[in-house]
């Protein structure tokens, strides 16, 4: 038979063990409440435009929101079996050359691991439309060109940075010199054409260079040439 003091000591130890076991069970149960949930540790602003191309007079629209990400892991983004590069915010970068016109559809899968190590796949899809770029060449002073003087023209290609535009002229020369009106004000446009021969049309040939260095040339735009009227 154990003395009373020894029995009390044993009972106290058993109580402590029970409390410790109870605490461990509660901690385990609590940790499992969100064991499969994703944890985030970084907030990044995100802008998703409805379209990147807007015509004059139209509306530009975009969705602006906050994204929460886990910067400790990088998601795997695949499109047609190809893994896309991912930026610092975990966003896949998809780039494809628009070689044919018309509506296009594409999609893929974003794969991430949850805290338990299970990979979760999130399929996604999107679409876009490829159109034919149009060049606009506008004489800003008159509808015809006159030999012997500089005729200002405004050249633009919708959706193309003006610095990517180049022009050449048949039956004339071209310069970036500004042309002024009778009030000393500059005509609109970044180029001016001086025709060579009266009776033959001036052809303005526009080309643009894309981001990878490929040059696309548009069909010539023609203008009639006249002699400067006698004063």
Foldseek 3Di string as FASTA:
>chain_A
DDDPVVVVVVVVVVVVVVVVVVVVVVVVVVCVPCQQPADFDDKDKDKAWPDPFDDPPGDTDIDIDIDTHHQVDAKWKDWPRDTFDADSRNDGDDDDDCPDFFKDKTWTWIWDAGNVRDIDIDIDMDIDGGDDKDKDKAFQPDQAAEAPDWTAIAIDIGPADPVQKDKAKDQWGKDQDFDADPVRHTGDHRMTIHGNDAPDWMWIKMWGADPVGDIDIDGTDTHHYDHDDDD
